[in-house]
Amino acid sequence: MYRCQTYQIAATRVTVAFSVTRQFRGEPSTACGLFPAALSNRFRNSNDDDEVDQRSRRFDPRRRGRRSSLRRRLPAPPPSSRAPQSPGGHELPWLSEVLTARRWPSIPSVANGAAGARLLSSAAAAASSAAREEGSRGARFLPGDVILYQYEACPFCNKVKAFLDYYKIPYKVVEVNPINKKEIKWSDYKKVPILMVDGKQMNDSSAIIDQLFEKIHPDELAENEEERKWRGWVDNHLVHVLSPNIYRTPSEALESFDYITTHGNFSFMERLIAKYSGAAAMYMVSKKLKKRHNITDERAALYEAAETWVDALKGRPFCGGAEPNLADLAVFGVLRPIRHLQSGKDMVEHTRIGEWYDRMQHAVGNSTRAMTQSWQESREKI
């Protein structure tokens, strides 16, 4: 009498389920979940001769009949672009068939059961390793303690955060009070962002990103001319278009300062004062910024900048091609804090940048920001 037992082999992002017919001499069939190592050790590491003999009788092919496994026919999904690889770098095309449900493996007899278990364990380990590599782009560089001193709405601070989020580097945030800046009184450098990496201070957003990139990719060549050009465009042009837009009218200035004071490091009274006095002040300052940067129509300048960036993509998903590069991260970081303000909504509605922005949001993923530290806690670690 044949019974069906389900083995589930769990690995990161990989679940291989298959059914095997077995004879249990009257024992009821059971379902069990096993990790590959446990399945492999079950056949390889036992020193109990009686247990081995008992398994041999259960898996004796003469008792199992003509069919050794139960196979299912499932509709074939689209073929994957690349077969999974073993830790040695060899492709495993049969594993692709398993993972895409085009193939259902069977458990061999006792004579080659250990080999089969080792093969499944090796394949699952390869898939798990690939998943870990995909999930942590900054795996070569794993700092123990990263603290970012910032203003929540600062475009330059958001450039750094976009980089850290993309490379999955966990970081803590200290929100600097823009009125007294007591959180960075210890530093000779009085601007933000300031990044502390395992006790080492890094200043200036572009310099911070360059230093981190070199640590993550020590063997990679320097950025190409196109990437350098557009990173400079972000710092020297795009950021200067944003302020006249987010403070364009009194209502937009209030909206912006409501976001800034809600996410910033303010006491209750400071929040009230900063929201209304700050909004009024920046509304007036934005008019001077328009003249300084030769902007006549704020929205037209913002739309033109967005279209200029889309044209720079040249039909590619990202400036970096199939994956974002530092220029993509810089543009995304600068635009992220205004995305849900009125200026950002208008930009997405009236230009073609929305599709690229959505792709970047998916590529960067969730924030790796761990928590917001108090000033006293951050100073204790420096």
Protein backbone atom coordinates (compact mmCIF):
# COMPACT_ATOMS: atom_id res chain seq x y z
CA MET A 1 0.00 0.00 0.00
CA TYR A 2 1.38 3.29 -1.07
CA ARG A 3 1.17 6.43 0.97
CA CYS A 4 2.03 10.00 0.04
CA GLN A 5 4.30 12.05 2.25
CA THR A 6 5.08 15.73 1.73
CA TYR A 7 8.54 17.11 2.31
CA GLN A 8 8.87 20.88 2.43
CA ILE A 9 12.35 22.24 2.09
CA ALA A 10 12.51 25.84 3.29
CA ALA A 11 15.23 28.28 2.26
CA THR A 12 15.26 32.07 1.80
CA ARG A 13 12.68 32.94 -0.88
CA VAL A 14 12.69 29.27 -2.02
CA THR A 15 10.12 26.62 -1.14
CA VAL A 16 10.37 23.30 -2.89
CA ALA A 17 7.36 21.04 -2.28
CA PHE A 18 7.16 17.56 -3.65
CA SER A 19 5.29 14.32 -3.01
CA VAL A 20 6.89 10.95 -2.69
CA THR A 21 5.23 7.55 -2.51
CA ARG A 22 6.45 5.34 0.30
CA GLN A 23 5.52 2.04 1.92
CA PHE A 24 5.20 2.19 5.71
CA ARG A 25 4.11 -1.38 6.47
CA GLY A 26 0.78 -0.21 7.82
CA GLU A 27 2.07 3.04 9.43
CA PRO A 28 -0.10 6.14 8.74
CA SER A 29 1.39 8.70 6.35
CA THR A 30 2.61 11.91 7.97
CA ALA A 31 3.63 15.38 6.80
CA CYS A 32 6.79 16.98 8.03
CA GLY A 33 8.75 20.17 7.29
CA LEU A 34 12.53 19.77 7.09
CA PHE A 35 15.39 22.13 6.33
CA PRO A 36 17.90 20.80 3.77
CA ALA A 37 20.61 20.30 6.38
CA ALA A 38 18.30 18.24 8.56
CA LEU A 39 17.22 16.16 5.60
CA SER A 40 20.82 15.59 4.61
CA ASN A 41 21.96 14.73 8.13
CA ARG A 42 19.17 12.22 8.47
CA PHE A 43 20.96 9.98 5.98
CA ARG A 44 24.59 10.92 6.52
CA ASN A 45 25.21 11.49 10.21
CA SER A 46 23.49 8.58 11.95
CA ASN A 47 25.70 6.02 13.73
CA ASP A 48 22.80 3.83 14.79
CA ASP A 49 23.06 0.63 12.71
CA ASP A 50 19.58 -0.52 13.70
CA GLU A 51 18.13 2.79 12.56
CA VAL A 52 20.00 2.56 9.24
CA ASP A 53 18.78 -1.02 8.74
CA GLN A 54 15.23 0.03 9.51
CA ARG A 55 15.42 2.85 6.95
CA SER A 56 16.88 0.45 4.42
CA ARG A 57 13.86 -1.82 4.76
CA ARG A 58 11.49 1.11 4.41
CA PHE A 59 13.23 2.41 1.31
CA ASP A 60 13.91 -0.99 -0.21
CA PRO A 61 13.06 -0.51 -3.92
CA ARG A 62 11.79 -4.09 -4.14
CA ARG A 63 8.98 -3.16 -1.71
CA ARG A 64 8.06 0.06 -3.43
CA GLY A 65 6.63 -1.27 -6.65
CA ARG A 66 7.17 0.01 -10.12
CA ARG A 67 6.61 3.70 -9.37
CA SER A 68 9.16 5.48 -7.18
CA SER A 69 7.48 8.89 -7.08
CA LEU A 70 4.27 10.72 -7.75
CA ARG A 71 4.66 13.24 -10.54
CA ARG A 72 2.26 16.03 -11.31
CA ARG A 73 1.71 17.84 -14.55
CA LEU A 74 1.49 21.57 -14.06
CA PRO A 75 1.24 24.37 -16.64
CA ALA A 76 4.72 25.64 -17.43
CA PRO A 77 5.32 29.27 -16.46
CA PRO A 78 7.55 31.55 -18.55
CA PRO A 79 11.17 30.32 -18.46
CA SER A 80 13.51 32.12 -16.07
CA SER A 81 16.31 34.18 -17.57
CA ARG A 82 19.07 32.36 -15.72
CA ALA A 83 19.41 29.03 -14.01
CA PRO A 84 20.31 29.06 -10.30
CA GLN A 85 23.93 28.34 -9.50
CA SER A 86 25.61 26.14 -6.96
CA PRO A 87 28.10 27.68 -4.50
CA GLY A 88 30.84 26.60 -6.92
CA GLY A 89 29.38 28.70 -9.70
CA HIS A 90 27.89 25.86 -11.78
CA GLU A 91 24.44 26.36 -13.22
CA LEU A 92 21.68 24.07 -11.97
CA PRO A 93 19.08 24.02 -14.80
CA TRP A 94 17.12 21.24 -13.10
CA LEU A 95 16.62 23.51 -10.06
CA SER A 96 15.06 26.14 -12.34
CA GLU A 97 12.54 23.54 -13.44
CA VAL A 98 11.74 22.69 -9.83
CA LEU A 99 11.38 26.32 -8.77
CA THR A 100 9.13 27.15 -11.74
CA ALA A 101 6.99 24.01 -11.19
CA ARG A 102 8.04 22.38 -14.47
CA ARG A 103 9.63 19.50 -12.61
CA TRP A 104 8.79 17.61 -9.42
CA PRO A 105 11.76 15.69 -8.01
CA SER A 106 11.51 12.31 -6.37
CA ILE A 107 13.40 10.90 -3.40
CA PRO A 108 15.72 8.13 -4.59
CA SER A 109 16.13 4.76 -2.94
CA VAL A 110 18.42 4.20 0.04
CA ALA A 111 21.34 3.43 -2.27
CA ASN A 112 21.46 6.99 -3.51
CA GLY A 113 19.22 8.71 -0.93
CA ALA A 114 22.15 10.44 0.73
CA ALA A 115 23.35 11.81 -2.59
CA GLY A 116 19.87 13.06 -3.39
CA ALA A 117 19.57 14.75 -0.02
CA ARG A 118 23.01 16.35 -0.40
CA LEU A 119 22.07 17.59 -3.88
CA LEU A 120 18.84 19.19 -2.63
CA SER A 121 20.67 20.70 0.33
CA SER A 122 23.35 22.15 -1.95
CA ALA A 123 20.77 23.58 -4.34
CA ALA A 124 18.77 25.20 -1.54
CA ALA A 125 21.97 26.65 -0.07
CA ALA A 126 22.82 28.14 -3.48
CA ALA A 127 19.39 29.74 -3.77
CA SER A 128 19.63 31.06 -0.20
CA SER A 129 23.05 32.55 -0.90
CA ALA A 130 21.75 34.27 -4.03
CA ALA A 131 18.83 35.71 -2.08
CA ARG A 132 21.14 37.07 0.61
CA GLU A 133 23.36 38.66 -2.04
CA GLU A 134 20.36 40.28 -3.71
CA GLY A 135 18.92 41.49 -0.40
CA SER A 136 22.09 43.24 0.78
CA ARG A 137 23.88 45.20 -1.93
CA GLY A 138 26.31 46.56 0.65
CA ALA A 139 27.31 43.14 2.00
CA ARG A 140 31.04 43.91 1.69
CA PHE A 141 30.70 46.95 3.93
CA LEU A 142 28.81 46.36 7.15
CA PRO A 143 29.50 49.19 9.62
CA GLY A 144 28.48 48.66 13.21
CA ASP A 145 27.12 52.12 14.00
CA VAL A 146 25.92 54.75 11.52
CA ILE A 147 24.41 58.05 12.72
CA LEU A 148 23.09 60.75 10.40
CA TYR A 149 22.76 64.34 11.65
CA GLN A 150 20.17 65.96 9.44
CA TYR A 151 17.20 68.18 8.72
CA GLU A 152 14.31 65.96 7.68
CA ALA A 153 13.38 68.03 4.62
CA CYS A 154 16.93 68.92 3.53
CA PRO A 155 17.52 67.72 -0.08
CA PHE A 156 21.20 67.03 0.58
CA CYS A 157 20.39 64.93 3.65
CA ASN A 158 17.83 63.02 1.61
CA LYS A 159 20.49 62.23 -0.99
CA VAL A 160 22.48 60.42 1.70
CA LYS A 161 19.39 58.63 3.03
CA ALA A 162 18.49 57.40 -0.47
CA PHE A 163 22.00 55.93 -0.79
CA LEU A 164 21.86 54.23 2.61
CA ASP A 165 18.38 52.84 1.92
CA TYR A 166 19.38 51.48 -1.49
CA TYR A 167 22.48 49.74 -0.15
CA LYS A 168 20.58 48.43 2.90
CA ILE A 169 22.87 50.06 5.44
CA PRO A 170 20.99 50.54 8.75
CA TYR A 171 21.38 54.01 10.22
CA LYS A 172 20.11 56.11 13.09
CA VAL A 173 19.02 59.72 12.75
CA VAL A 174 19.65 62.74 14.98
CA GLU A 175 17.33 65.58 13.96
CA VAL A 176 19.17 68.88 14.26
CA ASN A 177 17.30 71.86 15.57
CA PRO A 178 17.81 74.54 12.89
CA ILE A 179 17.42 77.36 15.42
CA ASN A 180 20.18 76.57 17.92
CA LYS A 181 21.92 73.56 16.27
CA LYS A 182 22.89 72.23 19.69
CA GLU A 183 23.06 68.69 18.30
CA ILE A 184 26.16 69.54 16.23
CA LYS A 185 27.88 72.04 18.54
CA TRP A 186 30.59 69.42 19.06
CA SER A 187 31.52 69.60 15.36
CA ASP A 188 33.69 72.22 13.66
CA TYR A 189 31.63 71.59 10.53
CA LYS A 190 28.32 73.38 11.09
CA LYS A 191 26.26 72.16 8.13
CA VAL A 192 24.19 69.05 7.55
CA PRO A 193 24.39 66.27 6.63
CA ILE A 194 27.06 64.91 8.95
CA LEU A 195 27.48 61.15 8.97
CA MET A 196 29.26 59.27 11.75
CA VAL A 197 30.38 55.79 10.68
CA ASP A 198 31.82 53.76 13.54
CA GLY A 199 33.07 56.98 15.14
CA LYS A 200 34.50 58.50 11.95
CA GLN A 201 32.99 61.81 10.81
CA MET A 202 32.02 62.39 7.16
CA ASN A 203 30.83 65.76 5.85
CA ASP A 204 29.09 67.02 2.69
CA SER A 205 26.53 64.84 0.94
CA SER A 206 28.48 64.14 -2.27
CA ALA A 207 31.71 63.43 -0.38
CA ILE A 208 29.84 61.12 2.02
CA ILE A 209 28.35 59.14 -0.88
CA ASP A 210 31.72 58.90 -2.65
CA GLN A 211 33.45 57.55 0.47
CA LEU A 212 30.71 55.01 1.17
CA PHE A 213 30.63 53.88 -2.46
CA GLU A 214 34.38 53.23 -2.41
CA LYS A 215 34.00 51.09 0.70
CA ILE A 216 31.15 49.08 -0.83
CA HIS A 217 32.79 48.71 -4.26
CA PRO A 218 36.56 48.83 -3.62
CA ASP A 219 37.35 47.14 -6.96
CA GLU A 220 34.96 49.13 -9.13
CA LEU A 221 36.13 51.83 -11.51
CA ALA A 222 35.32 55.47 -10.83
CA GLU A 223 32.02 56.90 -12.02
CA ASN A 224 31.69 57.59 -15.73
CA GLU A 225 31.35 61.01 -17.29
CA GLU A 226 27.57 60.81 -17.66
CA GLU A 227 27.07 59.88 -14.02
CA ARG A 228 29.38 62.70 -12.86
CA LYS A 229 27.61 65.22 -15.08
CA TRP A 230 24.15 64.50 -13.71
CA ARG A 231 25.26 64.37 -10.09
CA GLY A 232 26.68 67.86 -10.59
CA TRP A 233 23.42 68.94 -12.23
CA VAL A 234 21.50 67.86 -9.13
CA ASP A 235 23.72 69.89 -6.77
CA ASN A 236 24.07 72.97 -8.96
CA HIS A 237 20.65 73.23 -10.60
CA LEU A 238 17.88 70.91 -9.42
CA VAL A 239 18.11 71.75 -5.72
CA HIS A 240 17.90 75.48 -6.50
CA VAL A 241 14.64 74.97 -8.39
CA LEU A 242 12.94 73.32 -5.42
CA SER A 243 12.85 76.16 -2.86
CA PRO A 244 11.04 78.68 -5.09
CA ASN A 245 8.45 75.96 -5.77
CA ILE A 246 7.74 74.67 -2.27
CA TYR A 247 7.51 78.26 -0.94
CA ARG A 248 5.83 79.67 -4.08
CA THR A 249 2.63 80.85 -2.36
CA PRO A 250 1.74 81.48 1.30
CA SER A 251 -0.36 78.31 1.39
CA GLU A 252 2.45 76.19 -0.10
CA ALA A 253 4.94 77.74 2.31
CA LEU A 254 2.68 76.78 5.23
CA GLU A 255 2.29 73.27 3.82
CA SER A 256 6.06 72.90 3.57
CA PHE A 257 6.72 74.19 7.09
CA ASP A 258 3.99 72.00 8.50
CA TYR A 259 5.94 69.02 7.11
CA ILE A 260 9.26 70.43 8.32
CA THR A 261 8.11 71.19 11.86
CA THR A 262 6.19 67.93 12.20
CA HIS A 263 9.26 65.86 11.29
CA GLY A 264 11.86 68.19 12.74
CA ASN A 265 13.34 68.51 16.21
CA PHE A 266 11.21 71.29 17.72
CA SER A 267 9.58 71.89 21.05
CA PHE A 268 5.87 72.70 20.99
CA MET A 269 6.43 76.48 21.13
CA GLU A 270 9.29 76.31 18.62
CA ARG A 271 7.03 74.37 16.29
CA LEU A 272 4.32 77.03 16.39
CA ILE A 273 6.78 79.88 15.95
CA ALA A 274 8.77 78.13 13.22
CA LYS A 275 5.70 77.08 11.24
CA TYR A 276 4.23 80.55 10.81
CA SER A 277 7.26 82.81 11.05
CA GLY A 278 9.35 80.39 9.00
CA ALA A 279 6.70 80.07 6.30
CA ALA A 280 6.40 83.86 6.03
CA ALA A 281 10.17 84.33 5.95
CA MET A 282 10.77 81.63 3.32
CA TYR A 283 7.96 82.95 1.16
CA MET A 284 9.89 86.23 0.94
CA VAL A 285 13.25 84.48 0.56
CA SER A 286 11.92 82.39 -2.33
CA LYS A 287 11.35 85.56 -4.32
CA LYS A 288 15.02 86.49 -3.91
CA LEU A 289 16.06 82.97 -4.86
CA LYS A 290 14.08 83.29 -8.09
CA LYS A 291 16.09 86.35 -9.08
CA ARG A 292 19.41 84.83 -7.99
CA HIS A 293 18.91 81.76 -10.16
CA ASN A 294 17.18 83.56 -13.03
CA ILE A 295 13.84 81.82 -12.54
CA THR A 296 10.79 83.64 -13.87
CA ASP A 297 8.15 80.89 -13.56
CA GLU A 298 8.72 78.48 -10.68
CA ARG A 299 6.55 75.64 -11.97
CA ALA A 300 7.83 75.95 -15.51
CA ALA A 301 11.40 75.66 -14.19
CA LEU A 302 10.47 72.58 -12.14
CA TYR A 303 8.71 70.92 -15.09
CA GLU A 304 11.64 71.70 -17.37
CA ALA A 305 14.08 70.13 -14.90
CA ALA A 306 11.93 66.99 -14.64
CA GLU A 307 11.70 66.67 -18.43
CA THR A 308 15.43 67.27 -18.77
CA TRP A 309 16.07 64.34 -16.45
CA VAL A 310 13.65 62.06 -18.30
CA ASP A 311 15.37 62.93 -21.60
CA ALA A 312 18.72 62.06 -19.99
CA LEU A 313 17.48 58.51 -19.41
CA LYS A 314 17.36 57.97 -23.21
CA GLY A 315 14.64 55.36 -22.92
CA ARG A 316 16.51 53.35 -20.26
CA PRO A 317 14.84 52.33 -16.99
CA PHE A 318 17.53 54.24 -15.08
CA CYS A 319 20.45 56.48 -15.85
CA GLY A 320 22.57 53.52 -14.79
CA GLY A 321 20.82 51.25 -17.29
CA ALA A 322 19.15 48.21 -15.81
CA GLU A 323 19.97 49.35 -12.26
CA PRO A 324 20.15 52.79 -10.61
CA ASN A 325 23.49 54.53 -10.37
CA LEU A 326 24.59 57.40 -8.13
CA ALA A 327 22.95 59.98 -10.41
CA ASP A 328 19.59 58.17 -10.11
CA LEU A 329 19.93 58.05 -6.34
CA ALA A 330 20.82 61.74 -6.17
CA VAL A 331 17.78 62.86 -8.19
CA PHE A 332 15.48 60.51 -6.31
CA GLY A 333 16.81 61.62 -2.93
CA VAL A 334 16.33 65.29 -3.71
CA LEU A 335 12.77 64.81 -5.02
CA ARG A 336 11.57 62.39 -2.35
CA PRO A 337 10.74 64.98 0.36
CA ILE A 338 8.59 67.06 -2.02
CA ARG A 339 6.80 64.15 -3.70
CA HIS A 340 3.62 64.52 -1.64
CA LEU A 341 3.68 68.31 -1.37
CA GLN A 342 1.64 70.29 -3.88
CA SER A 343 4.73 71.06 -5.96
CA GLY A 344 5.62 67.37 -6.18
CA LYS A 345 2.09 66.37 -7.12
CA ASP A 346 2.04 68.97 -9.88
CA MET A 347 5.43 67.82 -11.16
CA VAL A 348 4.29 64.20 -11.48
CA GLU A 349 0.99 65.22 -13.05
CA HIS A 350 2.47 67.53 -15.71
CA THR A 351 5.68 65.71 -16.65
CA ARG A 352 6.85 62.21 -17.58
CA ILE A 353 8.95 61.71 -14.45
CA GLY A 354 6.33 59.70 -12.54
CA GLU A 355 7.19 56.31 -14.08
CA TRP A 356 10.89 56.69 -13.34
CA TYR A 357 10.11 57.83 -9.79
CA ASP A 358 7.95 54.75 -9.20
CA ARG A 359 10.72 52.47 -10.50
CA MET A 360 13.21 54.16 -8.18
CA GLN A 361 10.87 53.84 -5.22
CA HIS A 362 10.63 50.11 -5.89
CA ALA A 363 14.40 49.75 -6.42
CA VAL A 364 15.34 51.64 -3.25
CA GLY A 365 12.74 49.80 -1.19
CA ASN A 366 11.90 50.40 2.43
CA SER A 367 13.97 52.70 4.55
CA THR A 368 16.74 51.14 6.64
CA ARG A 369 16.44 53.94 9.16
CA ALA A 370 16.52 52.22 12.53
CA MET A 371 15.38 54.96 14.90
CA THR A 372 15.73 58.63 15.77
CA GLN A 373 18.27 59.16 18.50
CA SER A 374 18.29 61.92 21.04
CA TRP A 375 21.18 64.33 21.09
CA GLN A 376 22.46 62.98 24.41
CA GLU A 377 22.45 59.35 23.20
CA SER A 378 24.37 60.21 20.04
CA ARG A 379 27.00 62.20 21.95
CA GLU A 380 27.65 59.30 24.29
CA LYS A 381 28.83 57.20 21.34
CA ILE A 382 31.18 59.80 19.87
